[in-house]
Amino acid sequence: YASEVRDLRHQMSHLRELFSESQHNKALAEQSNQTLQEHVRILEKRFQDIDRVRAADKKKMQAQKQKHKELLATQDALHREVSKYRRMAADSQRWQSRFEKLAADSNQELQTEVDR
């Protein structure tokens, strides 16, 4: 009977140790779970920040593309204006040459008339 009591006490002591260890492990698991949840929240916030930055960058890129498109259109319009004024200048030069030739011819005719 005494040996059974000793065995039961020993088993009881062992069970208490296991229970204590189990409680400790449970506390560690809860702490680990909280730490992991905090890390998940931090990562989610980082992903949200990255998404916000990406969206802002995308908006900037679209604005830059639009500005570039507008600048190209302005450049094309300026090239057309320059071409138009070059044609006008060339026309003006041709007319000036014609008038100078006419003036020279008229002066020559007048000189010929005067000489007669």
PDB file of N, CA and C in Angstrom:
ATOM      1  N   TYR A   1       0.812  -1.186   0.000  1.00  0.00           N
ATOM      2  CA  TYR A   1       0.000   0.000   0.000  1.00  0.00           C
ATOM      3  C   TYR A   1       0.860   1.256   0.000  1.00  0.00           C
ATOM      4  N   ALA A   2       1.934   1.297   0.762  1.00  0.00           N
ATOM      5  CA  ALA A   2       2.835   2.446   0.833  1.00  0.00           C
ATOM      6  C   ALA A   2       3.522   2.672  -0.507  1.00  0.00           C
ATOM      7  N   SER A   3       3.856   1.620  -1.195  1.00  0.00           N
ATOM      8  CA  SER A   3       4.541   1.792  -2.478  1.00  0.00           C
ATOM      9  C   SER A   3       3.564   2.346  -3.511  1.00  0.00           C
ATOM     10  N   GLU A   4       2.284   1.979  -3.450  1.00  0.00           N
ATOM     11  CA  GLU A   4       1.288   2.533  -4.368  1.00  0.00           C
ATOM     12  C   GLU A   4       1.117   4.029  -4.126  1.00  0.00           C
ATOM     13  N   VAL A   5       1.113   4.404  -2.834  1.00  0.00           N
ATOM     14  CA  VAL A   5       0.989   5.818  -2.489  1.00  0.00           C
ATOM     15  C   VAL A   5       2.189   6.580  -3.021  1.00  0.00           C
ATOM     16  N   ARG A   6       3.391   5.983  -2.861  1.00  0.00           N
ATOM     17  CA  ARG A   6       4.604   6.623  -3.377  1.00  0.00           C
ATOM     18  C   ARG A   6       4.527   6.769  -4.895  1.00  0.00           C
ATOM     19  N   ASP A   7       4.084   5.722  -5.567  1.00  0.00           N
ATOM     20  CA  ASP A   7       3.958   5.767  -7.029  1.00  0.00           C
ATOM     21  C   ASP A   7       2.939   6.842  -7.453  1.00  0.00           C
ATOM     22  N   LEU A   8       1.805   6.876  -6.712  1.00  0.00           N
ATOM     23  CA  LEU A   8       0.776   7.868  -7.035  1.00  0.00           C
ATOM     24  C   LEU A   8       1.301   9.282  -6.798  1.00  0.00           C
ATOM     25  N   ARG A   9       2.047   9.464  -5.693  1.00  0.00           N
ATOM     26  CA  ARG A   9       2.619  10.792  -5.421  1.00  0.00           C
ATOM     27  C   ARG A   9       3.630  11.172  -6.508  1.00  0.00           C
ATOM     28  N   HIS A  10       4.430  10.172  -6.890  1.00  0.00           N
ATOM     29  CA  HIS A  10       5.426  10.419  -7.936  1.00  0.00           C
ATOM     30  C   HIS A  10       4.711  10.792  -9.255  1.00  0.00           C
ATOM     31  N   GLN A  11       3.665  10.026  -9.605  1.00  0.00           N
ATOM     32  CA  GLN A  11       2.903  10.324 -10.821  1.00  0.00           C
ATOM     33  C   GLN A  11       2.253  11.706 -10.727  1.00  0.00           C
ATOM     34  N   MET A  12       1.710  12.018  -9.540  1.00  0.00           N
ATOM     35  CA  MET A  12       1.079  13.309  -9.319  1.00  0.00           C
ATOM     36  C   MET A  12       2.100  14.416  -9.490  1.00  0.00           C
ATOM     37  N   SER A  13       3.286  14.247  -8.934  1.00  0.00           N
ATOM     38  CA  SER A  13       4.356  15.233  -9.059  1.00  0.00           C
ATOM     39  C   SER A  13       4.736  15.408 -10.535  1.00  0.00           C
ATOM     40  N   HIS A  14       4.845  14.257 -11.219  1.00  0.00           N
ATOM     41  CA  HIS A  14       5.195  14.289 -12.646  1.00  0.00           C
ATOM     42  C   HIS A  14       4.103  15.019 -13.440  1.00  0.00           C
ATOM     43  N   LEU A  15       2.840  14.738 -13.130  1.00  0.00           N
ATOM     44  CA  LEU A  15       1.733  15.397 -13.807  1.00  0.00           C
ATOM     45  C   LEU A  15       1.747  16.903 -13.537  1.00  0.00           C
ATOM     46  N   ARG A  16       2.075  17.307 -12.300  1.00  0.00           N
ATOM     47  CA  ARG A  16       2.169  18.730 -11.987  1.00  0.00           C
ATOM     48  C   ARG A  16       3.268  19.392 -12.817  1.00  0.00           C
ATOM     49  N   GLU A  17       4.403  18.710 -12.946  1.00  0.00           N
ATOM     50  CA  GLU A  17       5.504  19.249 -13.769  1.00  0.00           C
ATOM     51  C   GLU A  17       5.051  19.399 -15.223  1.00  0.00           C
ATOM     52  N   LEU A  18       4.364  18.351 -15.731  1.00  0.00           N
ATOM     53  CA  LEU A  18       3.883  18.407 -17.109  1.00  0.00           C
ATOM     54  C   LEU A  18       2.872  19.535 -17.290  1.00  0.00           C
ATOM     55  N   PHE A  19       1.976  19.685 -16.287  1.00  0.00           N
ATOM     56  CA  PHE A  19       0.981  20.749 -16.354  1.00  0.00           C
ATOM     57  C   PHE A  19       1.669  22.113 -16.335  1.00  0.00           C
ATOM     58  N   SER A  20       2.647  22.275 -15.463  1.00  0.00           N
ATOM     59  CA  SER A  20       3.378  23.536 -15.370  1.00  0.00           C
ATOM     60  C   SER A  20       4.098  23.830 -16.689  1.00  0.00           C
ATOM     61  N   GLU A  21       4.739  22.802 -17.238  1.00  0.00           N
ATOM     62  CA  GLU A  21       5.436  22.958 -18.530  1.00  0.00           C
ATOM     63  C   GLU A  21       4.438  23.287 -19.634  1.00  0.00           C
ATOM     64  N   SER A  22       3.276  22.637 -19.576  1.00  0.00           N
ATOM     65  CA  SER A  22       2.234  22.891 -20.568  1.00  0.00           C
ATOM     66  C   SER A  22       1.755  24.342 -20.474  1.00  0.00           C
ATOM     67  N   GLN A  23       1.555  24.845 -19.256  1.00  0.00           N
ATOM     68  CA  GLN A  23       1.137  26.235 -19.056  1.00  0.00           C
ATOM     69  C   GLN A  23       2.207  27.193 -19.593  1.00  0.00           C
ATOM     70  N   HIS A  24       3.457  26.882 -19.322  1.00  0.00           N
ATOM     71  CA  HIS A  24       4.557  27.707 -19.807  1.00  0.00           C
ATOM     72  C   HIS A  24       4.576  27.720 -21.343  1.00  0.00           C
ATOM     73  N   ASN A  25       4.435  26.537 -21.935  1.00  0.00           N
ATOM     74  CA  ASN A  25       4.417  26.436 -23.403  1.00  0.00           C
ATOM     75  C   ASN A  25       3.234  27.185 -23.991  1.00  0.00           C
ATOM     76  N   LYS A  26       2.084  27.119 -23.302  1.00  0.00           N
ATOM     77  CA  LYS A  26       0.903  27.832 -23.763  1.00  0.00           C
ATOM     78  C   LYS A  26       1.167  29.339 -23.737  1.00  0.00           C
ATOM     79  N   ALA A  27       1.790  29.828 -22.676  1.00  0.00           N
ATOM     80  CA  ALA A  27       2.112  31.261 -22.575  1.00  0.00           C
ATOM     81  C   ALA A  27       3.090  31.668 -23.682  1.00  0.00           C
ATOM     82  N   LEU A  28       4.089  30.826 -23.921  1.00  0.00           N
ATOM     83  CA  LEU A  28       5.051  31.115 -25.000  1.00  0.00           C
ATOM     84  C   LEU A  28       4.344  31.146 -26.358  1.00  0.00           C
ATOM     85  N   ALA A  29       3.424  30.206 -26.581  1.00  0.00           N
ATOM     86  CA  ALA A  29       2.707  30.142 -27.849  1.00  0.00           C
ATOM     87  C   ALA A  29       1.855  31.400 -28.036  1.00  0.00           C
ATOM     88  N   GLU A  30       1.183  31.854 -26.968  1.00  0.00           N
ATOM     89  CA  GLU A  30       0.367  33.069 -27.054  1.00  0.00           C
ATOM     90  C   GLU A  30       1.235  34.293 -27.351  1.00  0.00           C
ATOM     91  N   GLN A  31       2.377  34.356 -26.656  1.00  0.00           N
ATOM     92  CA  GLN A  31       3.301  35.481 -26.888  1.00  0.00           C
ATOM     93  C   GLN A  31       3.817  35.448 -28.321  1.00  0.00           C
ATOM     94  N   SER A  32       4.163  34.263 -28.793  1.00  0.00           N
ATOM     95  CA  SER A  32       4.658  34.107 -30.165  1.00  0.00           C
ATOM     96  C   SER A  32       3.567  34.494 -31.169  1.00  0.00           C
ATOM     97  N   ASN A  33       2.337  34.089 -30.881  1.00  0.00           N
ATOM     98  CA  ASN A  33       1.214  34.428 -31.758  1.00  0.00           C
ATOM     99  C   ASN A  33       1.016  35.937 -31.805  1.00  0.00           C
ATOM    100  N   GLN A  34       1.079  36.615 -30.670  1.00  0.00           N
ATOM    101  CA  GLN A  34       0.936  38.071 -30.645  1.00  0.00           C
ATOM    102  C   GLN A  34       2.058  38.746 -31.439  1.00  0.00           C
ATOM    103  N   THR A  35       3.273  38.236 -31.261  1.00  0.00           N
ATOM    104  CA  THR A  35       4.410  38.798 -32.007  1.00  0.00           C
ATOM    105  C   THR A  35       4.197  38.624 -33.515  1.00  0.00           C
ATOM    106  N   LEU A  36       3.743  37.433 -33.910  1.00  0.00           N
ATOM    107  CA  LEU A  36       3.496  37.181 -35.330  1.00  0.00           C
ATOM    108  C   LEU A  36       2.384  38.086 -35.863  1.00  0.00           C
ATOM    109  N   GLN A  37       1.325  38.280 -35.085  1.00  0.00           N
ATOM    110  CA  GLN A  37       0.243  39.163 -35.522  1.00  0.00           C
ATOM    111  C   GLN A  37       0.745  40.595 -35.690  1.00  0.00           C
ATOM    112  N   GLU A  38       1.615  41.035 -34.783  1.00  0.00           N
ATOM    113  CA  GLU A  38       2.185  42.381 -34.889  1.00  0.00           C
ATOM    114  C   GLU A  38       3.033  42.502 -36.163  1.00  0.00           C
ATOM    115  N   HIS A  39       3.816  41.464 -36.450  1.00  0.00           N
ATOM    116  CA  HIS A  39       4.622  41.468 -37.684  1.00  0.00           C
ATOM    117  C   HIS A  39       3.724  41.511 -38.914  1.00  0.00           C
ATOM    118  N   VAL A  40       2.626  40.768 -38.879  1.00  0.00           N
ATOM    119  CA  VAL A  40       1.675  40.775 -40.004  1.00  0.00           C
ATOM    120  C   VAL A  40       1.100  42.181 -40.187  1.00  0.00           C
ATOM    121  N   ARG A  41       0.720  42.849 -39.079  1.00  0.00           N
ATOM    122  CA  ARG A  41       0.189  44.214 -39.180  1.00  0.00           C
ATOM    123  C   ARG A  41       1.234  45.158 -39.780  1.00  0.00           C
ATOM    124  N   ILE A  42       2.482  45.015 -39.344  1.00  0.00           N
ATOM    125  CA  ILE A  42       3.554  45.867 -39.872  1.00  0.00           C
ATOM    126  C   ILE A  42       3.717  45.637 -41.376  1.00  0.00           C
ATOM    127  N   LEU A  43       3.728  44.368 -41.781  1.00  0.00           N
ATOM    128  CA  LEU A  43       3.880  44.052 -43.214  1.00  0.00           C
ATOM    129  C   LEU A  43       2.689  44.566 -44.022  1.00  0.00           C
ATOM    130  N   GLU A  44       1.487  44.417 -43.484  1.00  0.00           N
ATOM    131  CA  GLU A  44       0.316  44.923 -44.197  1.00  0.00           C
ATOM    132  C   GLU A  44       0.410  46.432 -44.379  1.00  0.00           C
ATOM    133  N   LYS A  45       0.863  47.137 -43.342  1.00  0.00           N
ATOM    134  CA  LYS A  45       1.014  48.589 -43.440  1.00  0.00           C
ATOM    135  C   LYS A  45       2.064  48.937 -44.501  1.00  0.00           C
ATOM    136  N   ARG A  46       3.155  48.196 -44.521  1.00  0.00           N
ATOM    137  CA  ARG A  46       4.187  48.446 -45.539  1.00  0.00           C
ATOM    138  C   ARG A  46       3.639  48.231 -46.944  1.00  0.00           C
ATOM    139  N   PHE A  47       2.858  47.152 -47.117  1.00  0.00           N
ATOM    140  CA  PHE A  47       2.262  46.908 -48.429  1.00  0.00           C
ATOM    141  C   PHE A  47       1.330  48.045 -48.817  1.00  0.00           C
ATOM    142  N   GLN A  48       0.550  48.554 -47.857  1.00  0.00           N
ATOM    143  CA  GLN A  48      -0.339  49.679 -48.143  1.00  0.00           C
ATOM    144  C   GLN A  48       0.474  50.915 -48.535  1.00  0.00           C
ATOM    145  N   ASP A  49       1.574  51.151 -47.813  1.00  0.00           N
ATOM    146  CA  ASP A  49       2.443  52.290 -48.147  1.00  0.00           C
ATOM    147  C   ASP A  49       3.004  52.139 -49.553  1.00  0.00           C
ATOM    148  N   ILE A  50       3.445  50.939 -49.871  1.00  0.00           N
ATOM    149  CA  ILE A  50       4.001  50.674 -51.207  1.00  0.00           C
ATOM    150  C   ILE A  50       2.926  50.903 -52.270  1.00  0.00           C
ATOM    151  N   ASP A  51       1.711  50.420 -52.007  1.00  0.00           N
ATOM    152  CA  ASP A  51       0.619  50.622 -52.967  1.00  0.00           C
ATOM    153  C   ASP A  51       0.322  52.105 -53.161  1.00  0.00           C
ATOM    154  N   ARG A  52       0.350  52.882 -52.059  1.00  0.00           N
ATOM    155  CA  ARG A  52       0.109  54.322 -52.170  1.00  0.00           C
ATOM    156  C   ARG A  52       1.197  54.987 -53.008  1.00  0.00           C
ATOM    157  N   VAL A  53       2.447  54.616 -52.760  1.00  0.00           N
ATOM    158  CA  VAL A  53       3.562  55.198 -53.518  1.00  0.00           C
ATOM    159  C   VAL A  53       3.442  54.826 -54.996  1.00  0.00           C
ATOM    160  N   ARG A  54       3.094  53.569 -55.251  1.00  0.00           N
ATOM    161  CA  ARG A  54       2.923  53.129 -56.646  1.00  0.00           C
ATOM    162  C   ARG A  54       1.831  53.919 -57.337  1.00  0.00           C
ATOM    163  N   ALA A  55       0.711  54.100 -56.637  1.00  0.00           N
ATOM    164  CA  ALA A  55      -0.400  54.849 -57.232  1.00  0.00           C
ATOM    165  C   ALA A  55       0.026  56.289 -57.525  1.00  0.00           C
ATOM    166  N   ALA A  56       0.754  56.897 -56.580  1.00  0.00           N
ATOM    167  CA  ALA A  56       1.231  58.275 -56.789  1.00  0.00           C
ATOM    168  C   ALA A  56       2.205  58.325 -57.966  1.00  0.00           C
ATOM    169  N   ASP A  57       3.109  57.341 -58.040  1.00  0.00           N
ATOM    170  CA  ASP A  57       4.066  57.286 -59.153  1.00  0.00           C
ATOM    171  C   ASP A  57       3.341  57.110 -60.487  1.00  0.00           C
ATOM    172  N   LYS A  58       2.307  56.280 -60.470  1.00  0.00           N
ATOM    173  CA  LYS A  58       1.546  56.051 -61.704  1.00  0.00           C
ATOM    174  C   LYS A  58       0.871  57.356 -62.151  1.00  0.00           C
ATOM    175  N   LYS A  59       0.316  58.088 -61.186  1.00  0.00           N
ATOM    176  CA  LYS A  59      -0.306  59.375 -61.513  1.00  0.00           C
ATOM    177  C   LYS A  59       0.717  60.340 -62.085  1.00  0.00           C
ATOM    178  N   LYS A  60       1.892  60.403 -61.441  1.00  0.00           N
ATOM    179  CA  LYS A  60       2.959  61.299 -61.932  1.00  0.00           C
ATOM    180  C   LYS A  60       3.363  60.914 -63.348  1.00  0.00           C
ATOM    181  N   MET A  61       3.505  59.606 -63.571  1.00  0.00           N
ATOM    182  CA  MET A  61       3.920  59.121 -64.891  1.00  0.00           C
ATOM    183  C   MET A  61       2.879  59.497 -65.947  1.00  0.00           C
ATOM    184  N   GLN A  62       1.595  59.335 -65.607  1.00  0.00           N
ATOM    185  CA  GLN A  62       0.542  59.704 -66.560  1.00  0.00           C
ATOM    186  C   GLN A  62       0.568  61.203 -66.834  1.00  0.00           C
ATOM    187  N   ALA A  63       0.798  61.999 -65.785  1.00  0.00           N
ATOM    188  CA  ALA A  63       0.864  63.453 -65.966  1.00  0.00           C
ATOM    189  C   ALA A  63       2.060  63.818 -66.855  1.00  0.00           C
ATOM    190  N   GLN A  64       3.193  63.142 -66.634  1.00  0.00           N
ATOM    191  CA  GLN A  64       4.377  63.405 -67.457  1.00  0.00           C
ATOM    192  C   GLN A  64       4.123  63.010 -68.908  1.00  0.00           C
ATOM    193  N   LYS A  65       3.448  61.872 -69.119  1.00  0.00           N
ATOM    194  CA  LYS A  65       3.132  61.448 -70.488  1.00  0.00           C
ATOM    195  C   LYS A  65       2.238  62.478 -71.169  1.00  0.00           C
ATOM    196  N   GLN A  66       1.227  62.966 -70.419  1.00  0.00           N
ATOM    197  CA  GLN A  66       0.320  63.971 -70.976  1.00  0.00           C
ATOM    198  C   GLN A  66       1.089  65.251 -71.315  1.00  0.00           C
ATOM    199  N   LYS A  67       1.951  65.686 -70.405  1.00  0.00           N
ATOM    200  CA  LYS A  67       2.748  66.899 -70.627  1.00  0.00           C
ATOM    201  C   LYS A  67       3.645  66.712 -71.850  1.00  0.00           C
ATOM    202  N   HIS A  68       4.267  65.528 -71.959  1.00  0.00           N
ATOM    203  CA  HIS A  68       5.129  65.227 -73.112  1.00  0.00           C
ATOM    204  C   HIS A  68       4.321  65.298 -74.405  1.00  0.00           C
ATOM    205  N   LYS A  69       3.111  64.717 -74.369  1.00  0.00           N
ATOM    206  CA  LYS A  69       2.251  64.732 -75.551  1.00  0.00           C
ATOM    207  C   LYS A  69       1.921  66.177 -75.941  1.00  0.00           C
ATOM    208  N   GLU A  70       1.610  67.010 -74.930  1.00  0.00           N
ATOM    209  CA  GLU A  70       1.296  68.414 -75.200  1.00  0.00           C
ATOM    210  C   GLU A  70       2.506  69.149 -75.760  1.00  0.00           C
ATOM    211  N   LEU A  71       3.692  68.848 -75.204  1.00  0.00           N
ATOM    212  CA  LEU A  71       4.908  69.495 -75.712  1.00  0.00           C
ATOM    213  C   LEU A  71       5.190  69.097 -77.158  1.00  0.00           C
ATOM    214  N   LEU A  72       4.963  67.823 -77.482  1.00  0.00           N
ATOM    215  CA  LEU A  72       5.151  67.374 -78.869  1.00  0.00           C
ATOM    216  C   LEU A  72       4.177  68.081 -79.803  1.00  0.00           C
ATOM    217  N   ALA A  73       2.930  68.239 -79.355  1.00  0.00           N
ATOM    218  CA  ALA A  73       1.941  68.935 -80.184  1.00  0.00           C
ATOM    219  C   ALA A  73       2.359  70.395 -80.395  1.00  0.00           C
ATOM    220  N   THR A  74       2.846  71.032 -79.328  1.00  0.00           N
ATOM    221  CA  THR A  74       3.316  72.415 -79.438  1.00  0.00           C
ATOM    222  C   THR A  74       4.508  72.498 -80.388  1.00  0.00           C
ATOM    223  N   GLN A  75       5.418  71.546 -80.256  1.00  0.00           N
ATOM    224  CA  GLN A  75       6.596  71.518 -81.124  1.00  0.00           C
ATOM    225  C   GLN A  75       6.174  71.365 -82.592  1.00  0.00           C
ATOM    226  N   ASP A  76       5.221  70.462 -82.851  1.00  0.00           N
ATOM    227  CA  ASP A  76       4.732  70.277 -84.223  1.00  0.00           C
ATOM    228  C   ASP A  76       4.108  71.566 -84.752  1.00  0.00           C
ATOM    229  N   ALA A  77       3.305  72.233 -83.906  1.00  0.00           N
ATOM    230  CA  ALA A  77       2.669  73.492 -84.329  1.00  0.00           C
ATOM    231  C   ALA A  77       3.738  74.538 -84.642  1.00  0.00           C
ATOM    232  N   LEU A  78       4.772  74.610 -83.809  1.00  0.00           N
ATOM    233  CA  LEU A  78       5.852  75.574 -84.051  1.00  0.00           C
ATOM    234  C   LEU A  78       6.594  75.256 -85.345  1.00  0.00           C
ATOM    235  N   HIS A  79       6.836  73.966 -85.612  1.00  0.00           N
ATOM    236  CA  HIS A  79       7.494  73.584 -86.869  1.00  0.00           C
ATOM    237  C   HIS A  79       6.644  74.021 -88.067  1.00  0.00           C
ATOM    238  N   ARG A  80       5.317  73.842 -87.951  1.00  0.00           N
ATOM    239  CA  ARG A  80       4.435  74.260 -89.052  1.00  0.00           C
ATOM    240  C   ARG A  80       4.504  75.777 -89.248  1.00  0.00           C
ATOM    241  N   GLU A  81       4.503  76.520 -88.138  1.00  0.00           N
ATOM    242  CA  GLU A  81       4.598  77.992 -88.226  1.00  0.00           C
ATOM    243  C   GLU A  81       5.920  78.412 -88.864  1.00  0.00           C
ATOM    244  N   VAL A  82       7.008  77.776 -88.437  1.00  0.00           N
ATOM    245  CA  VAL A  82       8.322  78.106 -88.996  1.00  0.00           C
ATOM    246  C   VAL A  82       8.336  77.828 -90.493  1.00  0.00           C
ATOM    247  N   SER A  83       7.784  76.670 -90.886  1.00  0.00           N
ATOM    248  CA  SER A  83       7.736  76.338 -92.316  1.00  0.00           C
ATOM    249  C   SER A  83       6.930  77.382 -93.081  1.00  0.00           C
ATOM    250  N   LYS A  84       5.792  77.792 -92.505  1.00  0.00           N
ATOM    251  CA  LYS A  84       4.946  78.803 -93.163  1.00  0.00           C
ATOM    252  C   LYS A  84       5.726  80.111 -93.342  1.00  0.00           C
ATOM    253  N   TYR A  85       6.414  80.556 -92.303  1.00  0.00           N
ATOM    254  CA  TYR A  85       7.171  81.817 -92.413  1.00  0.00           C
ATOM    255  C   TYR A  85       8.364  81.684 -93.349  1.00  0.00           C
ATOM    256  N   ARG A  86       8.955  80.509 -93.417  1.00  0.00           N
ATOM    257  CA  ARG A  86      10.052  80.301 -94.383  1.00  0.00           C
ATOM    258  C   ARG A  86       9.526  80.402 -95.811  1.00  0.00           C
ATOM    259  N   ARG A  87       8.351  79.802 -96.046  1.00  0.00           N
ATOM    260  CA  ARG A  87       7.748  79.908 -97.393  1.00  0.00           C
ATOM    261  C   ARG A  87       7.436  81.368 -97.711  1.00  0.00           C
ATOM    262  N   MET A  88       6.878  82.082 -96.715  1.00  0.00           N
ATOM    263  CA  MET A  88       6.561  83.497 -96.936  1.00  0.00           C
ATOM    264  C   MET A  88       7.837  84.299 -97.218  1.00  0.00           C
ATOM    265  N   ALA A  89       8.908  83.971 -96.491  1.00  0.00           N
ATOM    266  CA  ALA A  89      10.176  84.689 -96.700  1.00  0.00           C
ATOM    267  C   ALA A  89      10.723  84.387 -98.089  1.00  0.00           C
ATOM    268  N   ALA A  90      10.616  83.113 -98.510  1.00  0.00           N
ATOM    269  CA  ALA A  90      11.099  82.751 -99.847  1.00  0.00           C
ATOM    270  C   ALA A  90      10.261  83.463-100.919  1.00  0.00           C
ATOM    271  N   ASP A  91       8.923  83.500-100.721  1.00  0.00           N
ATOM    272  CA  ASP A  91       8.058  84.222-101.664  1.00  0.00           C
ATOM    273  C   ASP A  91       8.445  85.696-101.704  1.00  0.00           C
ATOM    274  N   SER A  92       8.652  86.271-100.538  1.00  0.00           N
ATOM    275  CA  SER A  92       9.015  87.687-100.447  1.00  0.00           C
ATOM    276  C   SER A  92      10.339  87.938-101.168  1.00  0.00           C
ATOM    277  N   GLN A  93      11.284  87.027-101.005  1.00  0.00           N
ATOM    278  CA  GLN A  93      12.593  87.164-101.667  1.00  0.00           C
ATOM    279  C   GLN A  93      12.423  87.121-103.189  1.00  0.00           C
ATOM    280  N   ARG A  94      11.561  86.193-103.665  1.00  0.00           N
ATOM    281  CA  ARG A  94      11.323  86.109-105.116  1.00  0.00           C
ATOM    282  C   ARG A  94      10.693  87.405-105.637  1.00  0.00           C
ATOM    283  N   TRP A  95       9.689  87.928-104.907  1.00  0.00           N
ATOM    284  CA  TRP A  95       9.056  89.182-105.328  1.00  0.00           C
ATOM    285  C   TRP A  95      10.053  90.327-105.301  1.00  0.00           C
ATOM    286  N   GLN A  96      10.884  90.360-104.271  1.00  0.00           N
ATOM    287  CA  GLN A  96      11.886  91.432-104.188  1.00  0.00           C
ATOM    288  C   GLN A  96      12.828  91.344-105.384  1.00  0.00           C
ATOM    289  N   SER A  97      13.247  90.138-105.733  1.00  0.00           N
ATOM    290  CA  SER A  97      14.135  89.972-106.887  1.00  0.00           C
ATOM    291  C   SER A  97      13.441  90.438-108.169  1.00  0.00           C
ATOM    292  N   ARG A  98      12.153  90.108-108.326  1.00  0.00           N
ATOM    293  CA  ARG A  98      11.409  90.517-109.513  1.00  0.00           C
ATOM    294  C   ARG A  98      11.314  92.046-109.581  1.00  0.00           C
ATOM    295  N   PHE A  99      10.988  92.666-108.412  1.00  0.00           N
ATOM    296  CA  PHE A  99      10.880  94.133-108.412  1.00  0.00           C
ATOM    297  C   PHE A  99      12.226  94.783-108.696  1.00  0.00           C
ATOM    298  N   GLU A 100      13.295  94.213-108.137  1.00  0.00           N
ATOM    299  CA  GLU A 100      14.626  94.781-108.407  1.00  0.00           C
ATOM    300  C   GLU A 100      14.955  94.663-109.893  1.00  0.00           C
ATOM    301  N   LYS A 101      14.591  93.506-110.492  1.00  0.00           N
ATOM    302  CA  LYS A 101      14.849  93.327-111.922  1.00  0.00           C
ATOM    303  C   LYS A 101      14.006  94.316-112.745  1.00  0.00           C
ATOM    304  N   LEU A 102      12.727  94.454-112.359  1.00  0.00           N
ATOM    305  CA  LEU A 102      11.868  95.417-113.054  1.00  0.00           C
ATOM    306  C   LEU A 102      12.416  96.838-112.919  1.00  0.00           C
ATOM    307  N   ALA A 103      12.856  97.186-111.708  1.00  0.00           N
ATOM    308  CA  ALA A 103      13.415  98.528-111.484  1.00  0.00           C
ATOM    309  C   ALA A 103      14.663  98.718-112.328  1.00  0.00           C
ATOM    310  N   ALA A 104      15.517  97.700-112.376  1.00  0.00           N
ATOM    311  CA  ALA A 104      16.742  97.801-113.173  1.00  0.00           C
ATOM    312  C   ALA A 104      16.398  97.944-114.654  1.00  0.00           C
ATOM    313  N   ASP A 105      15.406  97.126-115.103  1.00  0.00           N
ATOM    314  CA  ASP A 105      14.982  97.209-116.508  1.00  0.00           C
ATOM    315  C   ASP A 105      14.400  98.596-116.806  1.00  0.00           C
ATOM    316  N   SER A 106      13.569  99.110-115.885  1.00  0.00           N
ATOM    317  CA  SER A 106      12.969 100.442-116.080  1.00  0.00           C
ATOM    318  C   SER A 106      14.048 101.508-116.117  1.00  0.00           C
ATOM    319  N   ASN A 107      15.000 101.408-115.194  1.00  0.00           N
ATOM    320  CA  ASN A 107      16.102 102.373-115.173  1.00  0.00           C
ATOM    321  C   ASN A 107      16.895 102.300-116.472  1.00  0.00           C
ATOM    322  N   GLN A 108      17.093 101.100-116.977  1.00  0.00           N
ATOM    323  CA  GLN A 108      17.850 100.933-118.234  1.00  0.00           C
ATOM    324  C   GLN A 108      17.083 101.564-119.397  1.00  0.00           C
ATOM    325  N   GLU A 109      15.752 101.311-119.413  1.00  0.00           N
ATOM    326  CA  GLU A 109      14.941 101.917-120.484  1.00  0.00           C
ATOM    327  C   GLU A 109      14.954 103.439-120.401  1.00  0.00           C
ATOM    328  N   LEU A 110      14.837 103.948-119.157  1.00  0.00           N
ATOM    329  CA  LEU A 110      14.857 105.404-118.978  1.00  0.00           C
ATOM    330  C   LEU A 110      16.215 105.982-119.413  1.00  0.00           C
ATOM    331  N   GLN A 111      17.275 105.285-119.057  1.00  0.00           N
ATOM    332  CA  GLN A 111      18.615 105.755-119.440  1.00  0.00           C
ATOM    333  C   GLN A 111      18.748 105.748-120.943  1.00  0.00           C
ATOM    334  N   THR A 112      18.192 104.684-121.559  1.00  0.00           N
ATOM    335  CA  THR A 112      18.243 104.595-123.029  1.00  0.00           C
ATOM    336  C   THR A 112      17.467 105.754-123.631  1.00  0.00           C
ATOM    337  N   GLU A 113      16.275 106.055-123.091  1.00  0.00           N
ATOM    338  CA  GLU A 113      15.465 107.163-123.594  1.00  0.00           C
ATOM    339  C   GLU A 113      16.192 108.493-123.402  1.00  0.00           C
ATOM    340  N   VAL A 114      16.820 108.632-122.209  1.00  0.00           N
ATOM    341  CA  VAL A 114      17.543 109.883-121.925  1.00  0.00           C
ATOM    342  C   VAL A 114      18.711 110.035-122.886  1.00  0.00           C
ATOM    343  N   ASP A 115      19.390 108.939-123.158  1.00  0.00           N
ATOM    344  CA  ASP A 115      20.550 108.981-124.036  1.00  0.00           C
ATOM    345  C   ASP A 115      20.149 109.336-125.475  1.00  0.00           C
ATOM    346  N   ARG A 116      18.949 109.061-125.857  1.00  0.00           N
ATOM    347  CA  ARG A 116      18.534 109.375-127.236  1.00  0.00           C
ATOM    348  C   ARG A 116      18.302 110.790-127.395  1.00  0.00           C
TER     349      ARG A 116
END
